[in-house]
Amino acid sequence: MTLALQIILVLSCVLMTLFVLLHRGKGGGLSSLFGGGVQSNLSGSTVVEKNLDRFTIITGIVWLACIVALNLMQVYS
C-alpha cells in the first residue's frame, strides 16, 4: 500500500508541475520569456484553460491526499 501511494505521489507531482507550466501567463513572469505574454493578451479564457484549471486542482487534491495518507500510515504503523 505504501509503495502504491508513493508511486501515485510521484506521478501527481510530475503532472502538477506540467499542468502549472502549461497555464497561460498573466504577468511578466517566466511565461512571457517564451512569448507567452504577447499571446495571453490576444486570447481570452477558453474551455481549454478552464479544463486545465480543473485538472490542476484535481491533481493537487490527489497529491495532498497521498501526503496525508502516507504520513498517517507512518504514524500508526
Protein backbone atom coordinates (compact mmCIF):
# COMPACT_ATOMS: atom_id res chain seq x y z
CA MET A 1 0.00 0.00 0.00
CA THR A 2 2.81 2.39 0.85
CA LEU A 3 4.57 1.72 -2.44
CA ALA A 4 1.39 2.39 -4.40
CA LEU A 5 0.85 5.70 -2.59
CA GLN A 6 4.45 6.71 -3.21
CA ILE A 7 4.12 5.97 -6.93
CA ILE A 8 0.87 7.96 -7.11
CA LEU A 9 2.58 10.80 -5.22
CA VAL A 10 5.47 10.97 -7.68
CA LEU A 11 3.13 10.83 -10.69
CA SER A 12 0.92 13.57 -9.25
CA CYS A 13 3.99 15.74 -8.58
CA VAL A 14 5.13 15.42 -12.19
CA LEU A 15 1.62 16.03 -13.55
CA MET A 16 1.05 19.06 -11.34
CA THR A 17 4.35 20.56 -12.44
CA LEU A 18 3.40 20.10 -16.09
CA PHE A 19 -0.11 21.48 -15.57
CA VAL A 20 1.17 24.58 -13.77
CA LEU A 21 3.73 25.23 -16.51
CA LEU A 22 1.03 24.88 -19.19
CA HIS A 23 -1.08 27.66 -17.68
CA ARG A 24 -1.32 30.92 -19.54
CA GLY A 25 0.81 33.66 -18.07
CA LYS A 26 -0.99 36.67 -16.63
CA GLY A 27 2.01 38.83 -15.82
CA GLY A 28 5.57 39.48 -16.85
CA GLY A 29 6.96 36.34 -15.25
CA LEU A 30 8.76 33.38 -16.75
CA SER A 31 5.88 32.57 -19.10
CA SER A 32 6.42 35.80 -21.04
CA LEU A 33 10.06 34.81 -21.54
CA PHE A 34 8.99 32.39 -24.28
CA GLY A 35 6.47 34.69 -25.93
CA GLY A 36 3.53 33.78 -23.68
CA GLY A 37 2.93 37.39 -22.68
CA VAL A 38 2.03 38.54 -26.19
CA GLN A 39 -0.27 35.61 -26.80
CA SER A 40 -2.05 35.93 -23.44
CA ASN A 41 -3.11 39.49 -24.25
CA LEU A 42 -4.74 38.42 -27.50
CA SER A 43 -6.75 35.43 -26.25
CA GLY A 44 -9.46 35.23 -23.64
CA SER A 45 -10.36 32.49 -21.19
CA THR A 46 -11.13 29.37 -23.17
CA VAL A 47 -12.57 25.96 -22.42
CA VAL A 48 -9.08 24.51 -22.55
CA GLU A 49 -7.89 26.90 -19.84
CA LYS A 50 -10.88 26.06 -17.64
CA ASN A 51 -10.29 22.33 -18.07
CA LEU A 52 -6.60 22.83 -17.30
CA ASP A 53 -7.63 24.61 -14.08
CA ARG A 54 -9.84 21.66 -13.14
CA PHE A 55 -7.12 19.10 -13.86
CA THR A 56 -4.62 21.12 -11.82
CA ILE A 57 -6.98 21.30 -8.84
CA ILE A 58 -7.80 17.58 -9.02
CA THR A 59 -4.11 16.71 -9.25
CA GLY A 60 -3.40 18.95 -6.26
CA ILE A 61 -6.10 17.22 -4.22
CA VAL A 62 -4.68 13.78 -5.12
CA TRP A 63 -1.19 14.99 -4.19
CA LEU A 64 -2.38 16.32 -0.84
CA ALA A 65 -4.36 13.15 -0.08
CA CYS A 66 -1.31 10.98 -0.80
CA ILE A 67 0.85 13.05 1.52
CA VAL A 68 -1.70 12.88 4.33
CA ALA A 69 -2.23 9.13 3.84
CA LEU A 70 1.50 8.40 3.83
CA ASN A 71 2.01 10.45 7.00
CA LEU A 72 -0.88 8.71 8.75
CA MET A 73 0.47 5.32 7.72
CA GLN A 74 3.89 6.26 9.10
CA VAL A 75 2.46 7.42 12.42
CA TYR A 76 0.19 4.43 13.01
CA SER A 77 2.48 1.64 11.84
